[in-house]
Amino acid sequence: MIVATDGNHFRSIGGGLLVFGLYGLFFWRLFKGNPGNRLIECGSITLIVFLAMIPINSAGDVPDWLFGAWIVLIILLCFATLFFLLQRMIRAVSRRSNP
């Protein structure tokens, strides 16, 4: 069966793959440049999960339970990122106050 396609479909798919590849390269370099930094890792995962939610949600029929679970995951990841940020700030202040 032959499917008639418009050139815009290929252009949008190619653009999406390009953006996906560039984000992948960016996050790979970020992880490799900061090994063991839980703030960077958790914040990047939070951003990836949030950005993955946008096209999936706009695709159409997403069950309510899946959308709710996704929101809970993003909230938990945000709190974990804030915890690691607070931990890093406390360590920086304690190092600065101890000569």
Protein backbone atom coordinates (compact mmCIF):
# COMPACT_ATOMS: atom_id res chain seq x y z
CA MET A 1 0.00 0.00 0.00
CA ILE A 2 1.38 3.40 -0.98
CA VAL A 3 0.82 6.27 1.41
CA ALA A 4 0.84 9.79 0.04
CA THR A 5 3.00 11.99 2.23
CA ASP A 6 3.55 15.68 2.34
CA GLY A 7 7.06 17.11 2.53
CA ASN A 8 6.13 18.97 5.70
CA HIS A 9 5.73 15.67 7.55
CA PHE A 10 9.28 14.67 6.74
CA ARG A 11 10.52 18.12 7.66
CA SER A 12 8.78 18.05 11.05
CA ILE A 13 10.03 14.52 11.78
CA GLY A 14 13.56 15.53 10.79
CA GLY A 15 13.35 18.65 12.94
CA GLY A 16 12.13 16.61 15.88
CA LEU A 17 14.97 14.12 15.47
CA LEU A 18 17.48 16.96 15.22
CA VAL A 19 16.20 18.57 18.43
CA PHE A 20 16.18 15.16 20.16
CA GLY A 21 19.76 14.52 19.04
CA LEU A 22 20.99 17.94 20.14
CA TYR A 23 19.35 17.58 23.56
CA GLY A 24 20.85 14.10 23.85
CA LEU A 25 24.31 15.45 23.04
CA PHE A 26 23.87 18.31 25.49
CA PHE A 27 22.80 16.04 28.37
CA TRP A 28 25.49 13.45 27.57
CA ARG A 29 28.19 16.13 27.74
CA LEU A 30 26.63 17.49 30.94
CA PHE A 31 26.69 14.06 32.61
CA LYS A 32 30.25 13.33 31.45
CA GLY A 33 31.51 16.73 32.55
CA ASN A 34 30.04 16.45 36.06
CA PRO A 35 30.41 12.83 37.20
CA GLY A 36 28.74 12.13 40.53
CA ASN A 37 27.04 15.52 40.76
CA ARG A 38 23.57 14.53 41.91
CA LEU A 39 22.18 18.04 41.50
CA ILE A 40 23.05 18.11 37.79
CA GLU A 41 21.89 14.53 37.24
CA CYS A 42 18.55 14.91 39.04
CA GLY A 43 17.85 18.31 37.49
CA SER A 44 18.60 16.99 34.01
CA ILE A 45 16.36 13.97 34.50
CA THR A 46 13.58 16.27 35.71
CA LEU A 47 13.94 18.42 32.62
CA ILE A 48 14.00 15.39 30.31
CA VAL A 49 10.86 13.93 31.89
CA PHE A 50 9.07 17.27 31.65
CA LEU A 51 10.09 17.81 28.02
CA ALA A 52 9.02 14.26 27.15
CA MET A 53 5.62 14.97 28.65
CA ILE A 54 4.86 17.76 26.17
CA PRO A 55 4.71 15.76 22.91
CA ILE A 56 3.12 12.74 24.55
CA ASN A 57 0.40 14.89 26.08
CA SER A 58 -0.27 16.70 22.81
CA ALA A 59 -0.41 13.40 20.90
CA GLY A 60 -3.91 12.77 22.09
CA ASP A 61 -5.39 10.01 24.19
CA VAL A 62 -3.31 9.86 27.35
CA PRO A 63 -5.11 8.09 30.21
CA ASP A 64 -5.78 10.20 33.27
CA TRP A 65 -3.97 7.80 35.59
CA LEU A 66 -0.82 8.01 33.45
CA PHE A 67 -0.95 11.80 33.34
CA GLY A 68 -1.42 11.92 37.13
CA ALA A 69 1.47 9.52 37.69
CA TRP A 70 3.64 11.64 35.41
CA ILE A 71 2.81 14.79 37.37
CA VAL A 72 3.65 13.04 40.66
CA LEU A 73 6.97 11.89 39.18
CA ILE A 74 7.84 15.42 38.08
CA ILE A 75 6.94 16.84 41.50
CA LEU A 76 9.08 14.23 43.28
CA LEU A 77 11.99 14.90 40.94
CA CYS A 78 11.63 18.65 41.54
CA PHE A 79 11.74 18.11 45.31
CA ALA A 80 14.79 15.84 44.95
CA THR A 81 16.53 18.49 42.85
CA LEU A 82 15.73 21.15 45.44
CA PHE A 83 17.04 18.85 48.19
CA PHE A 84 20.37 18.41 46.38
CA LEU A 85 20.55 22.16 45.77
CA LEU A 86 19.93 22.87 49.46
CA GLN A 87 22.51 20.25 50.42
CA ARG A 88 25.08 21.90 48.15
CA MET A 89 24.30 25.34 49.57
CA ILE A 90 24.68 24.13 53.15
CA ARG A 91 28.03 22.54 52.31
CA ALA A 92 29.23 25.75 50.64
CA VAL A 93 28.22 27.89 53.61
CA SER A 94 29.82 25.51 56.12
CA ARG A 95 33.09 25.45 54.14
CA ARG A 96 33.09 29.23 53.92
CA SER A 97 32.51 29.74 57.65
CA ASN A 98 35.30 27.30 58.63
CA PRO A 99 38.68 28.94 57.90
